[in-house]
């Protein structure tokens, strides 16, 4: 896995866990769907922006 991807992903997961813990300690209900959708959007964007392998010579 790319090191830059991990540099972004690990702190994002830690921040999400922090939000969950803080809201639980405050006694507030949390909508996990937002976290799940945010994660899905992040993974989809990372996949879309991931460098693709160059293809061989194109046939005419």
Protein backbone atom coordinates (compact mmCIF):
# COMPACT_ATOMS: atom_id res chain seq x y z
CA UNK A 1 0.00 0.00 0.00
CA UNK A 2 1.22 3.47 -0.79
CA UNK A 3 2.82 5.28 2.13
CA UNK A 4 1.00 8.56 1.35
CA UNK A 5 -2.32 6.72 1.45
CA UNK A 6 -1.51 5.44 4.94
CA UNK A 7 -0.41 8.90 6.09
CA UNK A 8 -3.92 10.14 5.28
CA UNK A 9 -5.93 7.05 6.21
CA UNK A 10 -4.56 6.33 9.70
CA UNK A 11 -5.22 9.84 11.13
CA UNK A 12 -8.67 9.90 9.50
CA UNK A 13 -9.58 6.64 11.23
CA UNK A 14 -8.26 7.94 14.56
CA UNK A 15 -10.29 11.14 14.23
CA UNK A 16 -13.45 9.15 13.42
CA UNK A 17 -12.89 6.94 16.47
CA UNK A 18 -12.33 10.05 18.59
CA UNK A 19 -15.64 11.52 17.43
CA UNK A 20 -17.44 8.29 18.25
CA UNK A 21 -15.91 8.09 21.73
CA UNK A 22 -16.55 11.76 22.56
CA UNK A 23 -20.18 11.63 21.43
CA UNK A 24 -20.75 8.41 23.39
CA UNK A 25 -19.22 9.94 26.53
CA UNK A 26 -21.49 12.97 26.11
CA UNK A 27 -24.49 10.68 25.79
CA UNK A 28 -25.43 11.85 22.31
CA UNK A 29 -26.71 9.46 19.68
CA UNK A 30 -24.55 9.18 16.62
CA UNK A 31 -25.54 8.41 13.06
CA UNK A 32 -22.98 5.89 11.82
CA UNK A 33 -24.28 6.11 8.27
CA UNK A 34 -22.38 9.39 7.80
CA UNK A 35 -19.11 7.75 8.83
CA UNK A 36 -19.74 4.77 6.58
CA UNK A 37 -20.67 6.94 3.60
CA UNK A 38 -17.64 9.16 4.20
CA UNK A 39 -15.39 6.11 4.22
CA UNK A 40 -16.95 4.76 1.05
CA UNK A 41 -16.55 8.11 -0.70
CA UNK A 42 -12.92 8.31 0.44
CA UNK A 43 -12.09 4.82 -0.82
CA UNK A 44 -13.89 5.44 -4.12
CA UNK A 45 -12.01 8.71 -4.65
CA UNK A 46 -8.69 7.07 -3.78
CA UNK A 47 -9.38 4.24 -6.24
CA UNK A 48 -10.40 6.71 -8.94
CA UNK A 49 -7.26 8.82 -8.43
CA UNK A 50 -4.88 5.86 -8.03
CA UNK A 51 -2.30 5.81 -10.85
CA UNK A 52 -3.15 3.21 -13.46
CA UNK A 53 -0.60 0.99 -15.16
CA UNK A 54 0.10 2.19 -18.69
CA UNK A 55 -1.32 -0.06 -21.34
CA UNK A 56 0.70 -1.55 -24.14
CA UNK A 57 0.83 -0.03 -27.60
CA UNK A 58 -2.61 0.63 -29.01
CA UNK A 59 -3.61 -1.25 -32.14
CA UNK A 60 -5.02 0.87 -34.94
